[in-house]
Amino acid sequence: MARKSAPEEAKKGAPEWMATYADMMTLLLCFFVLLFAMSSIDAQKFEALVQSLSGAIGVLDKGSTVNLQPLINNYPNDSPHETLDEFKQAQEMEELEGLKRELENFLSENDLQESIVLEINERGLLLRFMDKVLFDSGRADLRGEAFEVLNKVSELLNENNRNIRIEGHTDNRPISTARFPSNWELSSQRACNVLKYLNQKFVAAERLSASAYADTKPIDTNDTNLGRQNNRRVDIIILRSTLDALEPK
């Protein structure tokens, strides 16, 4: 009779494939933990992470350990602060665009498109009240027709908490009266009267400021009647949050 061979002794411990499987699961767990921990994921970081991890688990040849440092340091907008600033700027622009659209609708309904200029620039949302919209010539008392416009403006201003600058401008023709010895006093009083009215309409005083420029910031020539008319104006600027100190050009 053939002698029976002795049964092969079973190896102790887990099967060999289990170690490889456990390593792969550990790497996958690290991968998803990294994804969860990243505050923001961009294509460049993600690609670098996938390449490193793929090599580490043997999917690609010549794998390497996880190392995102070179790509991260070279990425121009990697800073969380820069990303947050860009987000805030986009929100700010969207808000100003919304205010501009509301004002455009109001001006269109009241046939005031030619008298009030709306513009978004580097300083914020500009509302430019041209000559005789708010004041009679040589005077600083608000006209009756001005109240409806300023009431609408104050409503929109109270929908946000942005700072507001009111700026008075004149043409270069001299004025000399008991109340206004020069264009400085005239432009100053006009700006202040607009400011005080907006404050009466519950726009918070700490958000308001007034500036007088007389004829020093013309936007047109002072050699023609039309040019001087364009230079006589009051500007209300809803200021961007980071550009409160900019002066008009």
Foldseek 3Di string as FASTA:
>chain_A
DDDDDDDDDDDDDDDPVVVLVVVLVVLVVVLVVVVVPDPDDDPQQVVLQCQQSCLVNPVDPPHHHRDCVVVLVPDPQNDPVSVVVVVVVVVQVVLLVVLVVVLVVVCVVVVCPVQWDWDQDPFGIKTKGFPPCFDDPPDQHGDPNNPVVLLVVLVSLVVDQFAKEKEFEAAPDFDPDPQDHGLQSNRQSNSVVSLVVSVVSVNDNVRYDYYYDYRPDQPADSPDPVSRRRRGIMMMGRGDPVNNPDDDD
